[in-house]
Amino acid sequence: TFDNGATTDELRFLARAFNVQHDEQ
């Protein structure tokens, strides 16, 4: 869902993770 911050919160976190880890997943 897009309710209560779901989906956008996780995507922001994973973007930060990729920029540090460079994990293709």
PDB file of all heavy atoms in Angstrom:
ATOM      1  N   THR A   1       0.840  -1.187   0.000  1.00  0.00           N
ATOM      2  CA  THR A   1       0.000   0.000   0.000  1.00  0.00           C
ATOM      3  C   THR A   1       0.879   1.242   0.000  1.00  0.00           C
ATOM      4  O   THR A   1       2.110   1.157   0.164  1.00  0.00           O
ATOM      5  CB  THR A   1      -0.919   0.001   1.248  1.00  0.00           C
ATOM      6  OG1 THR A   1      -1.738   1.166   1.229  1.00  0.00           O
ATOM      7  CG2 THR A   1      -0.107  -0.005   2.533  1.00  0.00           C
ATOM      8  N   PHE A   2       0.239   2.401  -0.175  1.00  0.00           N
ATOM      9  CA  PHE A   2       0.927   3.684  -0.040  1.00  0.00           C
ATOM     10  C   PHE A   2       0.518   4.384   1.253  1.00  0.00           C
ATOM     11  O   PHE A   2       0.920   5.509   1.509  1.00  0.00           O
ATOM     12  CB  PHE A   2       0.598   4.587  -1.235  1.00  0.00           C
ATOM     13  CG  PHE A   2       0.897   3.952  -2.573  1.00  0.00           C
ATOM     14  CD1 PHE A   2      -0.075   3.891  -3.565  1.00  0.00           C
ATOM     15  CD2 PHE A   2       2.142   3.406  -2.839  1.00  0.00           C
ATOM     16  CE1 PHE A   2       0.192   3.305  -4.797  1.00  0.00           C
ATOM     17  CE2 PHE A   2       2.419   2.813  -4.068  1.00  0.00           C
ATOM     18  CZ  PHE A   2       1.436   2.771  -5.051  1.00  0.00           C
ATOM     19  N   ASP A   3      -0.297   3.726   2.039  1.00  0.00           N
ATOM     20  CA  ASP A   3      -0.814   4.301   3.274  1.00  0.00           C
ATOM     21  C   ASP A   3       0.241   4.229   4.378  1.00  0.00           C
ATOM     22  O   ASP A   3       1.061   3.317   4.420  1.00  0.00           O
ATOM     23  CB  ASP A   3      -2.070   3.539   3.693  1.00  0.00           C
ATOM     24  CG  ASP A   3      -2.909   4.280   4.720  1.00  0.00           C
ATOM     25  OD1 ASP A   3      -2.774   5.509   4.828  1.00  0.00           O
ATOM     26  OD2 ASP A   3      -3.713   3.628   5.402  1.00  0.00           O
ATOM     27  N   ASN A   4       0.185   5.197   5.291  1.00  0.00           N
ATOM     28  CA  ASN A   4       1.052   5.192   6.490  1.00  0.00           C
ATOM     29  C   ASN A   4       2.541   5.120   6.169  1.00  0.00           C
ATOM     30  O   ASN A   4       3.326   4.547   6.941  1.00  0.00           O
ATOM     31  CB  ASN A   4       0.670   4.042   7.421  1.00  0.00           C
ATOM     32  CG  ASN A   4      -0.709   4.220   8.033  1.00  0.00           C
ATOM     33  OD1 ASN A   4      -1.374   5.228   7.802  1.00  0.00           O
ATOM     34  ND2 ASN A   4      -1.145   3.257   8.813  1.00  0.00           N
ATOM     35  N   GLY A   5       2.945   5.684   5.047  1.00  0.00           N
ATOM     36  CA  GLY A   5       4.359   5.723   4.696  1.00  0.00           C
ATOM     37  C   GLY A   5       4.905   4.443   4.095  1.00  0.00           C
ATOM     38  O   GLY A   5       6.103   4.372   3.773  1.00  0.00           O
ATOM     39  N   ALA A   6       4.060   3.428   3.934  1.00  0.00           N
ATOM     40  CA  ALA A   6       4.537   2.170   3.357  1.00  0.00           C
ATOM     41  C   ALA A   6       4.986   2.379   1.917  1.00  0.00           C
ATOM     42  O   ALA A   6       4.460   3.230   1.202  1.00  0.00           O
ATOM     43  CB  ALA A   6       3.441   1.113   3.416  1.00  0.00           C
ATOM     44  N   THR A   7       5.942   1.620   1.481  1.00  0.00           N
ATOM     45  CA  THR A   7       6.534   1.596   0.137  1.00  0.00           C
ATOM     46  C   THR A   7       7.535   2.746  -0.046  1.00  0.00           C
ATOM     47  O   THR A   7       8.694   2.486  -0.386  1.00  0.00           O
ATOM     48  CB  THR A   7       5.465   1.626  -0.968  1.00  0.00           C
ATOM     49  OG1 THR A   7       4.616   0.469  -0.812  1.00  0.00           O
ATOM     50  CG2 THR A   7       6.087   1.602  -2.354  1.00  0.00           C
ATOM     51  N   THR A   8       7.141   3.993   0.155  1.00  0.00           N
ATOM     52  CA  THR A   8       8.101   5.086  -0.019  1.00  0.00           C
ATOM     53  C   THR A   8       9.202   5.025   1.029  1.00  0.00           C
ATOM     54  O   THR A   8      10.368   5.306   0.730  1.00  0.00           O
ATOM     55  CB  THR A   8       7.392   6.449   0.025  1.00  0.00           C
ATOM     56  OG1 THR A   8       6.583   6.530   1.206  1.00  0.00           O
ATOM     57  CG2 THR A   8       6.522   6.646  -1.196  1.00  0.00           C
ATOM     58  N   ASP A   9       8.875   4.666   2.270  1.00  0.00           N
ATOM     59  CA  ASP A   9       9.905   4.547   3.310  1.00  0.00           C
ATOM     60  C   ASP A   9      10.930   3.483   2.941  1.00  0.00           C
ATOM     61  O   ASP A   9      12.147   3.697   3.051  1.00  0.00           O
ATOM     62  CB  ASP A   9       9.266   4.178   4.651  1.00  0.00           C
ATOM     63  CG  ASP A   9       8.596   5.352   5.336  1.00  0.00           C
ATOM     64  OD1 ASP A   9       8.737   6.499   4.842  1.00  0.00           O
ATOM     65  OD2 ASP A   9       7.927   5.135   6.363  1.00  0.00           O
ATOM     66  N   GLU A  10      10.451   2.333   2.512  1.00  0.00           N
ATOM     67  CA  GLU A  10      11.368   1.243   2.173  1.00  0.00           C
ATOM     68  C   GLU A  10      12.230   1.593   0.964  1.00  0.00           C
ATOM     69  O   GLU A  10      13.428   1.285   0.928  1.00  0.00           O
ATOM     70  CB  GLU A  10      10.575  -0.041   1.896  1.00  0.00           C
ATOM     71  CG  GLU A  10      10.044  -0.735   3.136  1.00  0.00           C
ATOM     72  CD  GLU A  10       8.709  -0.179   3.632  1.00  0.00           C
ATOM     73  OE1 GLU A  10       8.173   0.752   2.980  1.00  0.00           O
ATOM     74  OE2 GLU A  10       8.204  -0.666   4.645  1.00  0.00           O
ATOM     75  N   LEU A  11      11.642   2.255  -0.020  1.00  0.00           N
ATOM     76  CA  LEU A  11      12.412   2.599  -1.220  1.00  0.00           C
ATOM     77  C   LEU A  11      13.510   3.607  -0.912  1.00  0.00           C
ATOM     78  O   LEU A  11      14.628   3.496  -1.435  1.00  0.00           O
ATOM     79  CB  LEU A  11      11.475   3.129  -2.306  1.00  0.00           C
ATOM     80  CG  LEU A  11      10.629   2.060  -3.013  1.00  0.00           C
ATOM     81  CD1 LEU A  11       9.566   2.712  -3.889  1.00  0.00           C
ATOM     82  CD2 LEU A  11      11.510   1.131  -3.838  1.00  0.00           C
ATOM     83  N   ARG A  12      13.226   4.580  -0.077  1.00  0.00           N
ATOM     84  CA  ARG A  12      14.268   5.541   0.297  1.00  0.00           C
ATOM     85  C   ARG A  12      15.424   4.844   1.021  1.00  0.00           C
ATOM     86  O   ARG A  12      16.603   5.137   0.782  1.00  0.00           O
ATOM     87  CB  ARG A  12      13.683   6.647   1.181  1.00  0.00           C
ATOM     88  CG  ARG A  12      12.824   7.660   0.440  1.00  0.00           C
ATOM     89  CD  ARG A  12      12.489   8.833   1.339  1.00  0.00           C
ATOM     90  NE  ARG A  12      11.741   9.858   0.623  1.00  0.00           N
ATOM     91  CZ  ARG A  12      10.416  10.011   0.703  1.00  0.00           C
ATOM     92  NH1 ARG A  12       9.711   9.202   1.480  1.00  0.00           N
ATOM     93  NH2 ARG A  12       9.811  10.960   0.023  1.00  0.00           N
ATOM     94  N   PHE A  13      15.072   3.947   1.913  1.00  0.00           N
ATOM     95  CA  PHE A  13      16.095   3.215   2.650  1.00  0.00           C
ATOM     96  C   PHE A  13      16.954   2.368   1.711  1.00  0.00           C
ATOM     97  O   PHE A  13      18.187   2.359   1.806  1.00  0.00           O
ATOM     98  CB  PHE A  13      15.432   2.329   3.705  1.00  0.00           C
ATOM     99  CG  PHE A  13      16.383   1.403   4.408  1.00  0.00           C
ATOM    100  CD1 PHE A  13      17.243   1.875   5.377  1.00  0.00           C
ATOM    101  CD2 PHE A  13      16.411   0.048   4.092  1.00  0.00           C
ATOM    102  CE1 PHE A  13      18.136   1.019   6.027  1.00  0.00           C
ATOM    103  CE2 PHE A  13      17.283  -0.814   4.727  1.00  0.00           C
ATOM    104  CZ  PHE A  13      18.155  -0.327   5.699  1.00  0.00           C
ATOM    105  N   LEU A  14      16.324   1.674   0.782  1.00  0.00           N
ATOM    106  CA  LEU A  14      17.068   0.808  -0.124  1.00  0.00           C
ATOM    107  C   LEU A  14      17.919   1.611  -1.111  1.00  0.00           C
ATOM    108  O   LEU A  14      18.988   1.150  -1.537  1.00  0.00           O
ATOM    109  CB  LEU A  14      16.109  -0.117  -0.868  1.00  0.00           C
ATOM    110  CG  LEU A  14      15.430  -1.172   0.011  1.00  0.00           C
ATOM    111  CD1 LEU A  14      14.406  -1.956  -0.805  1.00  0.00           C
ATOM    112  CD2 LEU A  14      16.449  -2.114   0.645  1.00  0.00           C
ATOM    113  N   ALA A  15      17.456   2.805  -1.472  1.00  0.00           N
ATOM    114  CA  ALA A  15      18.274   3.668  -2.335  1.00  0.00           C
ATOM    115  C   ALA A  15      19.555   4.066  -1.611  1.00  0.00           C
ATOM    116  O   ALA A  15      20.649   4.059  -2.191  1.00  0.00           O
ATOM    117  CB  ALA A  15      17.484   4.896  -2.751  1.00  0.00           C
ATOM    118  N   ARG A  16      19.408   4.415  -0.340  1.00  0.00           N
ATOM    119  CA  ARG A  16      20.597   4.749   0.456  1.00  0.00           C
ATOM    120  C   ARG A  16      21.518   3.541   0.555  1.00  0.00           C
ATOM    121  O   ARG A  16      22.748   3.657   0.434  1.00  0.00           O
ATOM    122  CB  ARG A  16      20.153   5.198   1.850  1.00  0.00           C
ATOM    123  CG  ARG A  16      21.309   5.455   2.818  1.00  0.00           C
ATOM    124  CD  ARG A  16      22.016   6.779   2.536  1.00  0.00           C
ATOM    125  NE  ARG A  16      23.344   6.785   3.110  1.00  0.00           N
ATOM    126  CZ  ARG A  16      23.604   6.859   4.429  1.00  0.00           C
ATOM    127  NH1 ARG A  16      22.605   6.971   5.294  1.00  0.00           N
ATOM    128  NH2 ARG A  16      24.854   6.866   4.858  1.00  0.00           N
ATOM    129  N   ALA A  17      20.926   2.367   0.780  1.00  0.00           N
ATOM    130  CA  ALA A  17      21.728   1.152   0.887  1.00  0.00           C
ATOM    131  C   ALA A  17      22.493   0.878  -0.406  1.00  0.00           C
ATOM    132  O   ALA A  17      23.681   0.528  -0.380  1.00  0.00           O
ATOM    133  CB  ALA A  17      20.838  -0.042   1.231  1.00  0.00           C
ATOM    134  N   PHE A  18      21.828   1.059  -1.554  1.00  0.00           N
ATOM    135  CA  PHE A  18      22.503   0.796  -2.821  1.00  0.00           C
ATOM    136  C   PHE A  18      23.662   1.762  -3.035  1.00  0.00           C
ATOM    137  O   PHE A  18      24.743   1.366  -3.495  1.00  0.00           O
ATOM    138  CB  PHE A  18      21.541   0.902  -3.997  1.00  0.00           C
ATOM    139  CG  PHE A  18      22.250   0.782  -5.322  1.00  0.00           C
ATOM    140  CD1 PHE A  18      22.686  -0.452  -5.773  1.00  0.00           C
ATOM    141  CD2 PHE A  18      22.514   1.904  -6.091  1.00  0.00           C
ATOM    142  CE1 PHE A  18      23.378  -0.569  -6.976  1.00  0.00           C
ATOM    143  CE2 PHE A  18      23.207   1.801  -7.287  1.00  0.00           C
ATOM    144  CZ  PHE A  18      23.631   0.557  -7.733  1.00  0.00           C
ATOM    145  N   ASN A  19      23.453   3.008  -2.704  1.00  0.00           N
ATOM    146  CA  ASN A  19      24.512   4.011  -2.910  1.00  0.00           C
ATOM    147  C   ASN A  19      25.743   3.740  -2.058  1.00  0.00           C
ATOM    148  O   ASN A  19      26.835   4.205  -2.385  1.00  0.00           O
ATOM    149  CB  ASN A  19      23.966   5.414  -2.626  1.00  0.00           C
ATOM    150  CG  ASN A  19      23.126   5.954  -3.773  1.00  0.00           C
ATOM    151  OD1 ASN A  19      23.517   5.869  -4.930  1.00  0.00           O
ATOM    152  ND2 ASN A  19      21.957   6.479  -3.462  1.00  0.00           N
ATOM    153  N   VAL A  20      25.567   2.988  -0.982  1.00  0.00           N
ATOM    154  CA  VAL A  20      26.703   2.615  -0.138  1.00  0.00           C
ATOM    155  C   VAL A  20      27.248   1.245  -0.526  1.00  0.00           C
ATOM    156  O   VAL A  20      28.445   1.063  -0.738  1.00  0.00           O
ATOM    157  CB  VAL A  20      26.301   2.612   1.358  1.00  0.00           C
ATOM    158  CG1 VAL A  20      27.464   2.108   2.212  1.00  0.00           C
ATOM    159  CG2 VAL A  20      25.874   3.998   1.802  1.00  0.00           C
ATOM    160  N   GLN A  21      26.361   0.258  -0.640  1.00  0.00           N
ATOM    161  CA  GLN A  21      26.778  -1.136  -0.847  1.00  0.00           C
ATOM    162  C   GLN A  21      27.006  -1.501  -2.312  1.00  0.00           C
ATOM    163  O   GLN A  21      27.755  -2.422  -2.612  1.00  0.00           O
ATOM    164  CB  GLN A  21      25.717  -2.085  -0.286  1.00  0.00           C
ATOM    165  CG  GLN A  21      25.482  -1.977   1.205  1.00  0.00           C
ATOM    166  CD  GLN A  21      24.329  -2.894   1.639  1.00  0.00           C
ATOM    167  OE1 GLN A  21      23.560  -3.407   0.816  1.00  0.00           O
ATOM    168  NE2 GLN A  21      24.207  -3.099   2.932  1.00  0.00           N
ATOM    169  N   HIS A  22      26.291  -0.806  -3.207  1.00  0.00           N
ATOM    170  CA  HIS A  22      26.316  -1.126  -4.645  1.00  0.00           C
ATOM    171  C   HIS A  22      25.868  -2.565  -4.906  1.00  0.00           C
ATOM    172  O   HIS A  22      26.371  -3.241  -5.803  1.00  0.00           O
ATOM    173  CB  HIS A  22      27.701  -0.879  -5.237  1.00  0.00           C
ATOM    174  CG  HIS A  22      28.188   0.517  -5.023  1.00  0.00           C
ATOM    175  ND1 HIS A  22      27.594   1.608  -5.621  1.00  0.00           N
ATOM    176  CD2 HIS A  22      29.188   1.012  -4.238  1.00  0.00           C
ATOM    177  CE1 HIS A  22      28.211   2.717  -5.228  1.00  0.00           C
ATOM    178  NE2 HIS A  22      29.173   2.379  -4.391  1.00  0.00           N
ATOM    179  N   ASP A  23      24.909  -2.993  -4.100  1.00  0.00           N
ATOM    180  CA  ASP A  23      24.320  -4.331  -4.268  1.00  0.00           C
ATOM    181  C   ASP A  23      23.247  -4.245  -5.351  1.00  0.00           C
ATOM    182  O   ASP A  23      22.255  -3.521  -5.211  1.00  0.00           O
ATOM    183  CB  ASP A  23      23.712  -4.779  -2.932  1.00  0.00           C
ATOM    184  CG  ASP A  23      23.123  -6.175  -2.989  1.00  0.00           C
ATOM    185  OD1 ASP A  23      22.873  -6.683  -4.103  1.00  0.00           O
ATOM    186  OD2 ASP A  23      22.885  -6.758  -1.917  1.00  0.00           O
ATOM    187  N   GLU A  24      23.426  -4.984  -6.423  1.00  0.00           N
ATOM    188  CA  GLU A  24      22.510  -4.915  -7.554  1.00  0.00           C
ATOM    189  C   GLU A  24      21.078  -5.274  -7.172  1.00  0.00           C
ATOM    190  O   GLU A  24      20.125  -4.777  -7.778  1.00  0.00           O
ATOM    191  CB  GLU A  24      22.981  -5.836  -8.680  1.00  0.00           C
ATOM    192  CG  GLU A  24      24.097  -5.257  -9.523  1.00  0.00           C
ATOM    193  CD  GLU A  24      23.662  -3.996 -10.286  1.00  0.00           C
ATOM    194  OE1 GLU A  24      22.639  -4.057 -10.997  1.00  0.00           O
ATOM    195  OE2 GLU A  24      24.342  -2.971 -10.146  1.00  0.00           O
ATOM    196  N   GLN A  25      20.911  -6.124  -6.155  1.00  0.00           N
ATOM    197  CA  GLN A  25      19.564  -6.501  -5.751  1.00  0.00           C
ATOM    198  C   GLN A  25      18.803  -5.294  -5.225  1.00  0.00           C
ATOM    199  O   GLN A  25      17.604  -5.143  -5.485  1.00  0.00           O
ATOM    200  CB  GLN A  25      19.611  -7.602  -4.684  1.00  0.00           C
ATOM    201  CG  GLN A  25      18.248  -8.173  -4.328  1.00  0.00           C
ATOM    202  CD  GLN A  25      17.539  -8.813  -5.524  1.00  0.00           C
ATOM    203  OE1 GLN A  25      18.189  -9.298  -6.456  1.00  0.00           O
ATOM    204  NE2 GLN A  25      16.219  -8.796  -5.507  1.00  0.00           N
TER     205      GLN A  25
END
